[in-house]
Amino acid sequence: MGFWKSLFSSSESSAPSQLTHSDEYFAEANAEAPNSSTGSRIFFSTSREIDLYELEELCDAVGWSRRPIRKVRKAIQHSFIVVSMWEQQSNRRRLIGFSRATSDHAFNATIWDVVVHPDYQGKGLGKALMQQLIKKLRSEDISNVTLFADPQVVDFYRNLGFMPDPEGIKGMFWYPD
């Protein structure tokens, strides 16, 4: 329990970000877009209006397996919170990051589908994306946040303060035959 208290009782306010009616807000991350010298800006959005083909291209860029578009649409529609990350350059927008969480709307949430385009990795933007998602979960008074991590990204999440279950309980899964 101490782990979660330390994660959610930092010196930063857990108050929700002020969002415009379009649910978009500029990042306040200590990271820069690769093209920041050309006037690009990074911003986050909680809108679920995402071009699913653009999301598929983002997932392809990191080597994820293809998933049926209809199922991705349904997963997004049924998510508790969706946070996407965009690069805006002049009048051109590009989806460069995505994350979502499901929840029981009271105590628990599970983070899914965290993806950052390879051109934007290693610049602090994945961390900023996770911070925005956790901030939104905390603004909804969610205090127990879980996720599943592939072995190659465990250190990324560990550096954000996530840790294996302190009780040593292993997850259990059921898959159809």
N, C-alpha and C. Protein backbone atom coordinates (compact mmCIF):
# COMPACT_ATOMS: atom_id res chain seq x y z
N MET A 1 0.82 -1.19 0.00
CA MET A 1 0.00 0.00 0.00
C MET A 1 0.86 1.25 0.00
N GLY A 2 2.03 1.21 0.62
CA GLY A 2 2.91 2.37 0.65
C GLY A 2 3.34 2.81 -0.73
N PHE A 3 3.50 1.85 -1.64
CA PHE A 3 3.89 2.18 -3.01
C PHE A 3 2.88 3.13 -3.64
N TRP A 4 1.62 2.80 -3.54
CA TRP A 4 0.59 3.63 -4.18
C TRP A 4 0.49 4.99 -3.53
N LYS A 5 0.65 5.03 -2.20
CA LYS A 5 0.62 6.33 -1.52
C LYS A 5 1.75 7.20 -2.02
N SER A 6 2.94 6.62 -2.20
CA SER A 6 4.06 7.43 -2.67
C SER A 6 3.85 7.88 -4.11
N LEU A 7 3.21 7.06 -4.91
CA LEU A 7 2.96 7.42 -6.30
C LEU A 7 1.97 8.56 -6.41
N PHE A 8 0.96 8.55 -5.54
CA PHE A 8 -0.12 9.53 -5.68
C PHE A 8 -0.03 10.70 -4.71
N SER A 9 0.93 10.74 -3.83
CA SER A 9 1.01 11.87 -2.90
C SER A 9 2.29 12.65 -3.13
N SER A 10 2.67 12.81 -4.40
CA SER A 10 3.86 13.59 -4.73
C SER A 10 3.57 15.06 -4.52
N SER A 11 4.59 15.89 -4.68
CA SER A 11 4.41 17.32 -4.48
C SER A 11 3.57 17.95 -5.57
N GLU A 12 3.39 17.23 -6.69
CA GLU A 12 2.54 17.74 -7.75
C GLU A 12 1.08 17.57 -7.36
N SER A 13 0.28 18.51 -7.75
CA SER A 13 -1.15 18.44 -7.47
C SER A 13 -1.77 17.31 -8.27
N SER A 14 -2.73 16.63 -7.67
CA SER A 14 -3.43 15.60 -8.41
C SER A 14 -4.74 16.15 -8.97
N ALA A 15 -4.88 17.47 -8.95
CA ALA A 15 -6.08 18.08 -9.53
C ALA A 15 -6.08 17.88 -11.03
N PRO A 16 -7.25 17.76 -11.62
CA PRO A 16 -7.30 17.55 -13.06
C PRO A 16 -6.81 18.77 -13.82
N SER A 17 -6.26 18.52 -15.00
CA SER A 17 -5.85 19.61 -15.88
C SER A 17 -7.10 20.33 -16.35
N GLN A 18 -6.99 21.61 -16.57
CA GLN A 18 -8.10 22.36 -17.15
C GLN A 18 -8.14 22.06 -18.64
N LEU A 19 -9.22 21.49 -19.10
CA LEU A 19 -9.34 21.13 -20.50
C LEU A 19 -10.28 22.10 -21.19
N THR A 20 -10.02 22.36 -22.43
CA THR A 20 -10.94 23.17 -23.22
C THR A 20 -12.10 22.28 -23.62
N HIS A 21 -13.10 22.88 -24.23
CA HIS A 21 -14.26 22.08 -24.62
C HIS A 21 -13.89 21.00 -25.62
N SER A 22 -12.75 21.12 -26.28
CA SER A 22 -12.34 20.10 -27.23
C SER A 22 -11.48 19.01 -26.59
N ASP A 23 -11.30 19.08 -25.27
CA ASP A 23 -10.54 18.08 -24.52
C ASP A 23 -9.08 17.99 -24.96
N GLU A 24 -8.51 19.09 -25.40
CA GLU A 24 -7.11 19.11 -25.79
C GLU A 24 -6.36 20.09 -24.90
N TYR A 25 -5.12 19.76 -24.61
CA TYR A 25 -4.31 20.64 -23.79
C TYR A 25 -2.85 20.42 -24.12
N PHE A 26 -2.07 21.48 -24.01
CA PHE A 26 -0.67 21.40 -24.34
C PHE A 26 0.11 20.75 -23.21
N ALA A 27 1.12 20.00 -23.58
CA ALA A 27 1.95 19.30 -22.60
C ALA A 27 2.77 20.28 -21.80
N GLU A 28 2.95 19.96 -20.56
CA GLU A 28 3.87 20.70 -19.72
C GLU A 28 4.97 19.74 -19.30
N ALA A 29 5.50 19.07 -20.29
CA ALA A 29 6.52 18.06 -20.04
C ALA A 29 7.90 18.64 -20.31
N ASN A 30 8.90 18.10 -19.66
CA ASN A 30 10.28 18.50 -19.91
C ASN A 30 10.83 17.70 -21.07
N ALA A 31 10.14 17.78 -22.17
CA ALA A 31 10.55 17.06 -23.37
C ALA A 31 10.25 17.93 -24.57
N GLU A 32 10.98 17.72 -25.62
CA GLU A 32 10.77 18.49 -26.84
C GLU A 32 10.47 17.56 -28.00
N ALA A 33 9.68 18.09 -28.89
CA ALA A 33 9.42 17.35 -30.12
C ALA A 33 10.70 17.33 -30.94
N PRO A 34 10.94 16.26 -31.68
CA PRO A 34 12.14 16.20 -32.51
C PRO A 34 12.25 17.37 -33.47
N ASN A 35 11.12 17.93 -33.90
CA ASN A 35 11.12 19.04 -34.86
C ASN A 35 10.81 20.36 -34.18
N SER A 36 11.13 20.50 -32.89
CA SER A 36 10.74 21.70 -32.17
C SER A 36 11.37 22.95 -32.75
N SER A 37 12.51 22.83 -33.44
CA SER A 37 13.13 23.99 -34.06
C SER A 37 12.31 24.49 -35.25
N THR A 38 11.40 23.67 -35.74
CA THR A 38 10.57 24.07 -36.88
C THR A 38 9.18 24.49 -36.44
N GLY A 39 9.02 24.74 -35.15
CA GLY A 39 7.75 25.25 -34.66
C GLY A 39 6.70 24.22 -34.33
N SER A 40 7.07 22.99 -34.08
CA SER A 40 6.07 21.99 -33.72
C SER A 40 5.86 22.01 -32.21
N ARG A 41 4.67 21.60 -31.80
CA ARG A 41 4.32 21.51 -30.39
C ARG A 41 3.70 20.16 -30.12
N ILE A 42 3.89 19.71 -28.91
CA ILE A 42 3.30 18.44 -28.48
C ILE A 42 2.11 18.76 -27.59
N PHE A 43 0.99 18.10 -27.82
CA PHE A 43 -0.16 18.27 -26.93
C PHE A 43 -0.85 16.93 -26.73
N PHE A 44 -1.64 16.88 -25.66
CA PHE A 44 -2.39 15.69 -25.29
C PHE A 44 -3.87 15.95 -25.54
N SER A 45 -4.61 14.88 -25.72
CA SER A 45 -6.05 14.98 -25.89
C SER A 45 -6.72 13.82 -25.18
N THR A 46 -7.89 14.06 -24.63
CA THR A 46 -8.69 12.99 -24.05
C THR A 46 -9.90 12.67 -24.93
N SER A 47 -9.93 13.24 -26.11
CA SER A 47 -11.01 12.94 -27.05
C SER A 47 -10.83 11.52 -27.59
N ARG A 48 -11.94 10.86 -27.80
CA ARG A 48 -11.89 9.50 -28.36
C ARG A 48 -12.00 9.53 -29.88
N GLU A 49 -12.07 10.71 -30.45
CA GLU A 49 -12.15 10.85 -31.90
C GLU A 49 -10.76 10.69 -32.50
N ILE A 50 -10.37 9.46 -32.71
CA ILE A 50 -9.04 9.13 -33.22
C ILE A 50 -9.22 8.37 -34.53
N ASP A 51 -8.47 8.78 -35.52
CA ASP A 51 -8.47 8.06 -36.79
C ASP A 51 -7.85 6.68 -36.51
N LEU A 52 -8.64 5.65 -36.59
CA LEU A 52 -8.17 4.31 -36.23
C LEU A 52 -7.09 3.80 -37.17
N TYR A 53 -7.08 4.28 -38.39
CA TYR A 53 -6.03 3.89 -39.32
C TYR A 53 -4.71 4.57 -38.95
N GLU A 54 -4.80 5.80 -38.46
CA GLU A 54 -3.60 6.49 -37.98
C GLU A 54 -3.07 5.78 -36.72
N LEU A 55 -3.97 5.34 -35.85
CA LEU A 55 -3.56 4.58 -34.67
C LEU A 55 -2.91 3.26 -35.09
N GLU A 56 -3.46 2.61 -36.10
CA GLU A 56 -2.89 1.36 -36.60
C GLU A 56 -1.47 1.59 -37.15
N GLU A 57 -1.26 2.70 -37.86
CA GLU A 57 0.08 3.04 -38.36
C GLU A 57 1.05 3.25 -37.21
N LEU A 58 0.59 3.90 -36.13
CA LEU A 58 1.43 4.10 -34.95
C LEU A 58 1.81 2.76 -34.34
N CYS A 59 0.85 1.87 -34.21
CA CYS A 59 1.12 0.55 -33.64
C CYS A 59 2.04 -0.27 -34.55
N ASP A 60 1.86 -0.14 -35.86
CA ASP A 60 2.75 -0.80 -36.81
C ASP A 60 4.18 -0.31 -36.64
N ALA A 61 4.35 0.99 -36.39
CA ALA A 61 5.69 1.60 -36.28
C ALA A 61 6.48 1.01 -35.12
N VAL A 62 5.79 0.53 -34.08
CA VAL A 62 6.50 -0.09 -32.96
C VAL A 62 6.50 -1.61 -33.03
N GLY A 63 5.93 -2.16 -34.10
CA GLY A 63 5.98 -3.60 -34.29
C GLY A 63 4.88 -4.39 -33.62
N TRP A 64 3.78 -3.75 -33.26
CA TRP A 64 2.67 -4.48 -32.66
C TRP A 64 1.94 -5.28 -33.72
N SER A 65 1.34 -6.38 -33.31
CA SER A 65 0.52 -7.18 -34.21
C SER A 65 -0.74 -6.41 -34.59
N ARG A 66 -1.19 -6.64 -35.79
CA ARG A 66 -2.42 -5.99 -36.25
C ARG A 66 -3.61 -6.54 -35.48
N ARG A 67 -4.54 -5.63 -35.18
CA ARG A 67 -5.78 -6.01 -34.51
C ARG A 67 -6.94 -5.52 -35.36
N PRO A 68 -8.05 -6.24 -35.35
CA PRO A 68 -9.20 -5.80 -36.15
C PRO A 68 -9.65 -4.40 -35.73
N ILE A 69 -9.84 -3.52 -36.72
CA ILE A 69 -10.24 -2.13 -36.46
C ILE A 69 -11.53 -2.07 -35.64
N ARG A 70 -12.49 -2.94 -35.95
CA ARG A 70 -13.77 -2.89 -35.22
C ARG A 70 -13.57 -3.17 -33.74
N LYS A 71 -12.61 -4.06 -33.41
CA LYS A 71 -12.34 -4.36 -32.01
C LYS A 71 -11.58 -3.23 -31.32
N VAL A 72 -10.67 -2.60 -32.04
CA VAL A 72 -9.95 -1.45 -31.49
C VAL A 72 -10.94 -0.33 -31.19
N ARG A 73 -11.86 -0.07 -32.12
CA ARG A 73 -12.89 0.96 -31.92
C ARG A 73 -13.70 0.65 -30.66
N LYS A 74 -14.11 -0.60 -30.51
CA LYS A 74 -14.90 -1.01 -29.36
C LYS A 74 -14.11 -0.86 -28.06
N ALA A 75 -12.82 -1.23 -28.09
CA ALA A 75 -11.97 -1.10 -26.90
C ALA A 75 -11.86 0.36 -26.48
N ILE A 76 -11.70 1.25 -27.45
CA ILE A 76 -11.60 2.68 -27.14
C ILE A 76 -12.92 3.20 -26.59
N GLN A 77 -14.02 2.82 -27.21
CA GLN A 77 -15.34 3.27 -26.75
C GLN A 77 -15.63 2.83 -25.33
N HIS A 78 -15.15 1.65 -24.95
CA HIS A 78 -15.44 1.11 -23.63
C HIS A 78 -14.34 1.41 -22.60
N SER A 79 -13.36 2.19 -22.99
CA SER A 79 -12.30 2.57 -22.05
C SER A 79 -12.81 3.66 -21.11
N PHE A 80 -12.26 3.69 -19.94
CA PHE A 80 -12.61 4.71 -18.94
C PHE A 80 -11.97 6.04 -19.31
N ILE A 81 -10.69 6.00 -19.66
CA ILE A 81 -9.95 7.20 -20.05
C ILE A 81 -9.07 6.84 -21.24
N VAL A 82 -9.01 7.75 -22.20
CA VAL A 82 -8.12 7.64 -23.35
C VAL A 82 -7.29 8.92 -23.39
N VAL A 83 -5.98 8.77 -23.51
CA VAL A 83 -5.10 9.94 -23.67
C VAL A 83 -4.25 9.69 -24.91
N SER A 84 -4.33 10.62 -25.84
CA SER A 84 -3.50 10.54 -27.05
C SER A 84 -2.53 11.71 -27.04
N MET A 85 -1.42 11.53 -27.74
CA MET A 85 -0.38 12.54 -27.80
C MET A 85 -0.15 12.89 -29.27
N TRP A 86 -0.09 14.19 -29.55
CA TRP A 86 -0.03 14.68 -30.91
C TRP A 86 1.10 15.66 -31.09
N GLU A 87 1.65 15.67 -32.29
CA GLU A 87 2.57 16.73 -32.68
C GLU A 87 1.81 17.63 -33.64
N GLN A 88 1.82 18.92 -33.35
CA GLN A 88 1.17 19.91 -34.22
C GLN A 88 2.27 20.74 -34.86
N GLN A 89 2.29 20.75 -36.16
CA GLN A 89 3.27 21.54 -36.91
C GLN A 89 2.49 22.28 -37.99
N SER A 90 2.44 23.60 -37.86
CA SER A 90 1.59 24.43 -38.74
C SER A 90 0.16 23.92 -38.62
N ASN A 91 -0.46 23.53 -39.72
CA ASN A 91 -1.83 23.02 -39.65
C ASN A 91 -1.89 21.51 -39.76
N ARG A 92 -0.75 20.86 -39.58
CA ARG A 92 -0.65 19.39 -39.69
C ARG A 92 -0.55 18.78 -38.29
N ARG A 93 -1.38 17.79 -38.04
CA ARG A 93 -1.35 17.05 -36.77
C ARG A 93 -0.92 15.63 -37.04
N ARG A 94 -0.13 15.09 -36.12
CA ARG A 94 0.31 13.71 -36.26
C ARG A 94 0.16 13.00 -34.91
N LEU A 95 -0.49 11.84 -34.92
CA LEU A 95 -0.61 11.03 -33.72
C LEU A 95 0.74 10.39 -33.42
N ILE A 96 1.32 10.69 -32.26
CA ILE A 96 2.64 10.15 -31.92
C ILE A 96 2.61 9.31 -30.65
N GLY A 97 1.48 9.28 -29.95
CA GLY A 97 1.39 8.47 -28.73
C GLY A 97 -0.05 8.21 -28.37
N PHE A 98 -0.26 7.12 -27.64
CA PHE A 98 -1.62 6.71 -27.29
C PHE A 98 -1.56 5.87 -26.03
N SER A 99 -2.58 5.99 -25.20
CA SER A 99 -2.74 5.14 -24.03
C SER A 99 -4.21 5.15 -23.62
N ARG A 100 -4.59 4.13 -22.89
CA ARG A 100 -5.96 4.07 -22.40
C ARG A 100 -6.01 3.27 -21.12
N ALA A 101 -7.12 3.43 -20.39
CA ALA A 101 -7.30 2.68 -19.15
C ALA A 101 -8.75 2.23 -19.04
N THR A 102 -8.94 1.05 -18.52
CA THR A 102 -10.27 0.56 -18.17
C THR A 102 -10.39 0.67 -16.66
N SER A 103 -11.62 0.64 -16.15
CA SER A 103 -11.78 0.85 -14.72
C SER A 103 -13.12 0.33 -14.22
N ASP A 104 -13.19 0.15 -12.90
CA ASP A 104 -14.46 -0.15 -12.25
C ASP A 104 -15.16 1.15 -11.83
N HIS A 105 -14.55 2.29 -12.15
CA HIS A 105 -15.08 3.63 -11.88
C HIS A 105 -15.12 3.98 -10.40
N ALA A 106 -14.45 3.22 -9.57
CA ALA A 106 -14.45 3.50 -8.14
C ALA A 106 -13.06 3.38 -7.53
N PHE A 107 -12.44 2.22 -7.66
CA PHE A 107 -11.18 1.97 -6.99
C PHE A 107 -10.03 1.65 -7.93
N ASN A 108 -10.30 0.86 -8.97
CA ASN A 108 -9.26 0.23 -9.76
C ASN A 108 -9.28 0.66 -11.23
N ALA A 109 -8.09 0.69 -11.79
CA ALA A 109 -7.95 0.92 -13.23
C ALA A 109 -6.77 0.11 -13.72
N THR A 110 -6.86 -0.31 -14.97
CA THR A 110 -5.76 -1.01 -15.61
C THR A 110 -5.40 -0.25 -16.88
N ILE A 111 -4.11 0.01 -17.04
CA ILE A 111 -3.60 0.75 -18.19
C ILE A 111 -3.30 -0.25 -19.31
N TRP A 112 -3.69 0.15 -20.53
CA TRP A 112 -3.51 -0.69 -21.70
C TRP A 112 -2.95 0.14 -22.85
N ASP A 113 -2.33 -0.53 -23.79
CA ASP A 113 -2.01 0.04 -25.11
C ASP A 113 -1.20 1.33 -25.05
N VAL A 114 -0.17 1.36 -24.24
CA VAL A 114 0.71 2.53 -24.20
C VAL A 114 1.70 2.41 -25.36
N VAL A 115 1.66 3.38 -26.25
CA VAL A 115 2.52 3.32 -27.44
C VAL A 115 3.00 4.73 -27.78
N VAL A 116 4.29 4.85 -28.09
CA VAL A 116 4.90 6.10 -28.53
C VAL A 116 5.69 5.79 -29.79
N HIS A 117 5.51 6.62 -30.81
CA HIS A 117 6.20 6.42 -32.08
C HIS A 117 7.72 6.36 -31.83
N PRO A 118 8.44 5.45 -32.49
CA PRO A 118 9.89 5.31 -32.28
C PRO A 118 10.67 6.62 -32.45
N ASP A 119 10.24 7.50 -33.35
CA ASP A 119 10.94 8.78 -33.55
C ASP A 119 10.86 9.68 -32.32
N TYR A 120 9.93 9.39 -31.41
CA TYR A 120 9.69 10.24 -30.25
C TYR A 120 10.07 9.55 -28.94
N GLN A 121 10.57 8.33 -29.03
CA GLN A 121 10.98 7.62 -27.82
C GLN A 121 12.33 8.14 -27.33
N GLY A 122 12.56 7.99 -26.03
CA GLY A 122 13.83 8.42 -25.44
C GLY A 122 13.93 9.92 -25.23
N LYS A 123 12.81 10.63 -25.34
CA LYS A 123 12.80 12.08 -25.20
C LYS A 123 11.94 12.54 -24.02
N GLY A 124 11.48 11.59 -23.22
CA GLY A 124 10.63 11.93 -22.07
C GLY A 124 9.15 12.01 -22.40
N LEU A 125 8.78 11.75 -23.64
CA LEU A 125 7.38 11.87 -24.02
C LEU A 125 6.52 10.69 -23.55
N GLY A 126 7.09 9.50 -23.50
CA GLY A 126 6.37 8.35 -22.96
C GLY A 126 6.06 8.58 -21.49
N LYS A 127 7.02 9.11 -20.78
CA LYS A 127 6.82 9.45 -19.36
C LYS A 127 5.73 10.50 -19.22
N ALA A 128 5.76 11.52 -20.07
CA ALA A 128 4.74 12.57 -20.03
C ALA A 128 3.36 12.00 -20.33
N LEU A 129 3.27 11.08 -21.29
CA LEU A 129 2.00 10.44 -21.62
C LEU A 129 1.45 9.68 -20.42
N MET A 130 2.31 8.91 -19.77
CA MET A 130 1.90 8.16 -18.57
C MET A 130 1.49 9.10 -17.44
N GLN A 131 2.22 10.18 -17.26
CA GLN A 131 1.86 11.14 -16.20
C GLN A 131 0.47 11.74 -16.46
N GLN A 132 0.18 12.06 -17.72
CA GLN A 132 -1.14 12.60 -18.04
C GLN A 132 -2.23 11.58 -17.76
N LEU A 133 -2.00 10.32 -18.12
CA LEU A 133 -3.00 9.28 -17.87
C LEU A 133 -3.22 9.08 -16.38
N ILE A 134 -2.14 9.00 -15.62
CA ILE A 134 -2.28 8.82 -14.17
C ILE A 134 -2.93 10.03 -13.53
N LYS A 135 -2.60 11.23 -13.99
CA LYS A 135 -3.23 12.44 -13.46
C LYS A 135 -4.75 12.39 -13.67
N LYS A 136 -5.16 11.95 -14.87
CA LYS A 136 -6.60 11.83 -15.14
C LYS A 136 -7.24 10.77 -14.25
N LEU A 137 -6.56 9.64 -14.06
CA LEU A 137 -7.11 8.61 -13.17
C LEU A 137 -7.24 9.12 -11.75
N ARG A 138 -6.23 9.83 -11.27
CA ARG A 138 -6.28 10.38 -9.91
C ARG A 138 -7.38 11.43 -9.77
N SER A 139 -7.63 12.21 -10.83
CA SER A 139 -8.70 13.20 -10.76
C SER A 139 -10.07 12.54 -10.65
N GLU A 140 -10.14 11.26 -11.04
CA GLU A 140 -11.37 10.48 -10.90
C GLU A 140 -11.37 9.67 -9.61
N ASP A 141 -10.40 9.92 -8.74
CA ASP A 141 -10.26 9.28 -7.43
C ASP A 141 -9.95 7.78 -7.52
N ILE A 142 -9.29 7.38 -8.59
CA ILE A 142 -8.84 5.99 -8.73
C ILE A 142 -7.50 5.87 -8.01
N SER A 143 -7.39 4.92 -7.10
CA SER A 143 -6.17 4.81 -6.30
C SER A 143 -5.37 3.53 -6.54
N ASN A 144 -5.91 2.58 -7.26
CA ASN A 144 -5.20 1.34 -7.52
C ASN A 144 -5.05 1.20 -9.03
N VAL A 145 -3.82 1.39 -9.53
CA VAL A 145 -3.56 1.38 -10.97
C VAL A 145 -2.63 0.21 -11.29
N THR A 146 -3.05 -0.61 -12.23
CA THR A 146 -2.26 -1.76 -12.63
C THR A 146 -1.99 -1.69 -14.13
N LEU A 147 -1.04 -2.50 -14.57
CA LEU A 147 -0.77 -2.64 -16.00
C LEU A 147 -0.03 -3.94 -16.22
N PHE A 148 -0.01 -4.36 -17.45
CA PHE A 148 0.75 -5.52 -17.87
C PHE A 148 1.86 -5.02 -18.78
N ALA A 149 3.08 -5.46 -18.54
CA ALA A 149 4.21 -4.96 -19.31
C ALA A 149 4.98 -6.10 -19.96
N ASP A 150 5.30 -5.92 -21.23
CA ASP A 150 6.18 -6.86 -21.90
C ASP A 150 7.57 -6.72 -21.29
N PRO A 151 8.35 -7.80 -21.31
CA PRO A 151 9.67 -7.77 -20.65
C PRO A 151 10.57 -6.59 -21.08
N GLN A 152 10.49 -6.20 -22.34
CA GLN A 152 11.39 -5.14 -22.83
C GLN A 152 11.01 -3.74 -22.32
N VAL A 153 9.84 -3.57 -21.70
CA VAL A 153 9.45 -2.25 -21.20
C VAL A 153 9.26 -2.22 -19.68
N VAL A 154 9.59 -3.30 -19.00
CA VAL A 154 9.45 -3.35 -17.55
C VAL A 154 10.26 -2.24 -16.89
N ASP A 155 11.49 -2.01 -17.34
CA ASP A 155 12.31 -0.97 -16.74
C ASP A 155 11.72 0.42 -16.94
N PHE A 156 11.10 0.67 -18.09
CA PHE A 156 10.43 1.95 -18.33
C PHE A 156 9.39 2.21 -17.24
N TYR A 157 8.53 1.22 -16.98
CA TYR A 157 7.48 1.39 -15.97
C TYR A 157 8.06 1.42 -14.56
N ARG A 158 9.07 0.64 -14.32
CA ARG A 158 9.73 0.66 -13.02
C ARG A 158 10.28 2.06 -12.73
N ASN A 159 10.87 2.70 -13.73
CA ASN A 159 11.40 4.06 -13.56
C ASN A 159 10.30 5.09 -13.32
N LEU A 160 9.07 4.76 -13.64
CA LEU A 160 7.93 5.64 -13.36
C LEU A 160 7.32 5.37 -11.99
N GLY A 161 7.86 4.39 -11.28
CA GLY A 161 7.36 4.09 -9.94
C GLY A 161 6.50 2.86 -9.85
N PHE A 162 6.24 2.18 -10.96
CA PHE A 162 5.49 0.93 -10.91
C PHE A 162 6.42 -0.16 -10.41
N MET A 163 5.85 -1.13 -9.76
CA MET A 163 6.65 -2.25 -9.27
C MET A 163 5.83 -3.52 -9.35
N PRO A 164 6.53 -4.64 -9.37
CA PRO A 164 5.77 -5.91 -9.35
C PRO A 164 4.91 -5.96 -8.09
N ASP A 165 3.88 -6.74 -8.14
CA ASP A 165 2.97 -6.86 -7.01
C ASP A 165 3.76 -7.08 -5.72
N PRO A 166 3.63 -6.16 -4.75
CA PRO A 166 4.41 -6.30 -3.51
C PRO A 166 4.06 -7.56 -2.72
N GLU A 167 2.89 -8.13 -2.96
CA GLU A 167 2.48 -9.35 -2.27
C GLU A 167 3.01 -10.59 -2.98
N GLY A 168 3.61 -10.41 -4.14
CA GLY A 168 4.15 -11.54 -4.88
C GLY A 168 3.11 -12.38 -5.58
N ILE A 169 1.90 -11.86 -5.68
CA ILE A 169 0.83 -12.60 -6.35
C ILE A 169 1.05 -12.51 -7.85
N LYS A 170 0.99 -13.60 -8.50
CA LYS A 170 1.16 -13.65 -9.95
C LYS A 170 -0.20 -13.51 -10.62
N GLY A 171 -0.24 -12.81 -11.72
CA GLY A 171 -1.48 -12.69 -12.47
C GLY A 171 -1.88 -14.03 -13.03
N MET A 172 -3.15 -14.22 -13.20
CA MET A 172 -3.66 -15.45 -13.78
C MET A 172 -4.47 -15.06 -15.01
N PHE A 173 -4.42 -15.91 -16.02
CA PHE A 173 -5.07 -15.60 -17.28
C PHE A 173 -5.84 -16.81 -17.77
N TRP A 174 -6.94 -16.54 -18.43
CA TRP A 174 -7.70 -17.59 -19.08
C TRP A 174 -7.80 -17.21 -20.54
N TYR A 175 -7.50 -18.14 -21.42
CA TYR A 175 -7.61 -17.93 -22.85
C TYR A 175 -8.46 -19.04 -23.44
N PRO A 176 -9.31 -18.72 -24.41
CA PRO A 176 -10.10 -19.80 -25.03
C PRO A 176 -9.20 -20.74 -25.81
N ASP A 177 -9.63 -21.98 -25.90
CA ASP A 177 -8.85 -22.99 -26.64
C ASP A 177 -8.79 -22.67 -28.10
